[in-house]
């Protein structure tokens, strides 16, 4: 029986989605992402990486957001496909 798989948004392939379960970062990063609506329970989609891998584009709450790779690695989610 498979359990729930938690991972960083950065580990998804383009087009895959997940539900945010937490942010493993400092309080400044957590507050900044929370102010944008990137909070626990939000569905997020990994759109694409820049040609050199940084930044990455994610979509949640109807808008695209470019964030640094190191910040994207802090967004922990449950993969939903």
C-alpha atoms as a PDB file:
ATOM      1  CA  UNK A   1       0.000   0.000   0.000  1.00  0.00           C
ATOM      2  CA  UNK A   2       1.508   3.335  -1.035  1.00  0.00           C
ATOM      3  CA  UNK A   3       1.536   6.230   1.352  1.00  0.00           C
ATOM      4  CA  UNK A   4       1.219   9.901   0.638  1.00  0.00           C
ATOM      5  CA  UNK A   5       4.263  11.173  -1.217  1.00  0.00           C
ATOM      6  CA  UNK A   6       5.620  14.514  -0.042  1.00  0.00           C
ATOM      7  CA  UNK A   7       8.168  16.386  -2.111  1.00  0.00           C
ATOM      8  CA  UNK A   8       9.420  19.799  -3.103  1.00  0.00           C
ATOM      9  CA  UNK A   9       7.631  21.593  -5.937  1.00  0.00           C
ATOM     10  CA  UNK A  10      11.012  21.658  -7.668  1.00  0.00           C
ATOM     11  CA  UNK A  11      10.901  17.849  -7.990  1.00  0.00           C
ATOM     12  CA  UNK A  12       7.782  17.926 -10.181  1.00  0.00           C
ATOM     13  CA  UNK A  13       7.803  17.806 -13.960  1.00  0.00           C
ATOM     14  CA  UNK A  14       6.150  20.577 -15.985  1.00  0.00           C
ATOM     15  CA  UNK A  15       2.371  20.228 -15.824  1.00  0.00           C
ATOM     16  CA  UNK A  16       2.331  18.223 -12.588  1.00  0.00           C
ATOM     17  CA  UNK A  17       0.354  19.532  -9.637  1.00  0.00           C
ATOM     18  CA  UNK A  18       0.315  19.187  -5.898  1.00  0.00           C
ATOM     19  CA  UNK A  19      -1.280  20.481  -2.720  1.00  0.00           C
ATOM     20  CA  UNK A  20       0.961  22.638  -0.542  1.00  0.00           C
ATOM     21  CA  UNK A  21       1.548  21.031   2.857  1.00  0.00           C
ATOM     22  CA  UNK A  22       4.107  23.505   4.180  1.00  0.00           C
ATOM     23  CA  UNK A  23       7.027  25.813   3.546  1.00  0.00           C
ATOM     24  CA  UNK A  24      10.426  24.861   4.964  1.00  0.00           C
ATOM     25  CA  UNK A  25      12.093  28.236   4.935  1.00  0.00           C
ATOM     26  CA  UNK A  26      12.920  31.170   7.114  1.00  0.00           C
ATOM     27  CA  UNK A  27      10.139  33.405   8.403  1.00  0.00           C
ATOM     28  CA  UNK A  28      10.813  36.062   5.745  1.00  0.00           C
ATOM     29  CA  UNK A  29      10.266  33.552   2.911  1.00  0.00           C
ATOM     30  CA  UNK A  30       7.222  32.043   4.610  1.00  0.00           C
ATOM     31  CA  UNK A  31       5.624  35.473   5.098  1.00  0.00           C
ATOM     32  CA  UNK A  32       6.380  36.542   1.516  1.00  0.00           C
ATOM     33  CA  UNK A  33       4.887  33.401  -0.023  1.00  0.00           C
ATOM     34  CA  UNK A  34       1.904  33.504   2.348  1.00  0.00           C
ATOM     35  CA  UNK A  35       1.174  37.107   1.347  1.00  0.00           C
ATOM     36  CA  UNK A  36       1.002  35.920  -2.273  1.00  0.00           C
ATOM     37  CA  UNK A  37      -1.482  33.180  -1.362  1.00  0.00           C
ATOM     38  CA  UNK A  38       0.990  30.302  -1.343  1.00  0.00           C
ATOM     39  CA  UNK A  39      -0.370  28.664   1.820  1.00  0.00           C
ATOM     40  CA  UNK A  40      -1.078  25.173   3.109  1.00  0.00           C
ATOM     41  CA  UNK A  41      -3.929  23.498   1.230  1.00  0.00           C
ATOM     42  CA  UNK A  42      -3.451  25.505  -1.978  1.00  0.00           C
ATOM     43  CA  UNK A  43      -3.183  23.606  -5.261  1.00  0.00           C
ATOM     44  CA  UNK A  44      -0.045  24.551  -7.180  1.00  0.00           C
ATOM     45  CA  UNK A  45       1.179  23.560 -10.642  1.00  0.00           C
ATOM     46  CA  UNK A  46       4.785  23.431 -11.785  1.00  0.00           C
ATOM     47  CA  UNK A  47       4.847  25.181 -15.177  1.00  0.00           C
ATOM     48  CA  UNK A  48       8.490  25.281 -16.276  1.00  0.00           C
ATOM     49  CA  UNK A  49      12.117  25.983 -15.451  1.00  0.00           C
ATOM     50  CA  UNK A  50      14.157  28.747 -17.021  1.00  0.00           C
ATOM     51  CA  UNK A  51      16.785  27.495 -19.500  1.00  0.00           C
ATOM     52  CA  UNK A  52      19.476  27.426 -16.795  1.00  0.00           C
ATOM     53  CA  UNK A  53      17.089  26.030 -14.156  1.00  0.00           C
ATOM     54  CA  UNK A  54      16.564  29.249 -12.209  1.00  0.00           C
ATOM     55  CA  UNK A  55      13.985  30.755 -11.751  1.00  0.00           C
ATOM     56  CA  UNK A  56      11.028  28.408 -12.009  1.00  0.00           C
ATOM     57  CA  UNK A  57       7.448  29.277 -12.968  1.00  0.00           C
ATOM     58  CA  UNK A  58       4.578  27.981 -10.836  1.00  0.00           C
ATOM     59  CA  UNK A  59       0.848  28.624 -11.084  1.00  0.00           C
ATOM     60  CA  UNK A  60      -1.557  28.892  -8.177  1.00  0.00           C
ATOM     61  CA  UNK A  61      -4.747  30.825  -7.487  1.00  0.00           C
ATOM     62  CA  UNK A  62      -4.983  31.705 -11.190  1.00  0.00           C
ATOM     63  CA  UNK A  63      -1.650  33.423 -11.742  1.00  0.00           C
ATOM     64  CA  UNK A  64       1.884  32.495 -12.733  1.00  0.00           C
ATOM     65  CA  UNK A  65       4.732  33.319 -10.373  1.00  0.00           C
ATOM     66  CA  UNK A  66       8.464  33.191 -11.071  1.00  0.00           C
ATOM     67  CA  UNK A  67      10.420  32.203  -7.988  1.00  0.00           C
ATOM     68  CA  UNK A  68      14.034  31.339  -7.294  1.00  0.00           C
ATOM     69  CA  UNK A  69      15.009  27.679  -7.365  1.00  0.00           C
ATOM     70  CA  UNK A  70      16.126  27.780  -3.723  1.00  0.00           C
ATOM     71  CA  UNK A  71      12.725  29.187  -2.691  1.00  0.00           C
ATOM     72  CA  UNK A  72      10.850  26.624  -4.809  1.00  0.00           C
ATOM     73  CA  UNK A  73      12.763  23.839  -3.070  1.00  0.00           C
ATOM     74  CA  UNK A  74      11.260  25.034   0.243  1.00  0.00           C
ATOM     75  CA  UNK A  75       7.655  24.548  -0.927  1.00  0.00           C
ATOM     76  CA  UNK A  76       6.643  21.081   0.262  1.00  0.00           C
ATOM     77  CA  UNK A  77       3.594  19.430  -1.226  1.00  0.00           C
ATOM     78  CA  UNK A  78       1.626  16.274  -1.732  1.00  0.00           C
ATOM     79  CA  UNK A  79       1.847  15.175  -5.367  1.00  0.00           C
ATOM     80  CA  UNK A  80      -1.568  14.858  -7.030  1.00  0.00           C
ATOM     81  CA  UNK A  81      -0.355  14.306 -10.583  1.00  0.00           C
END
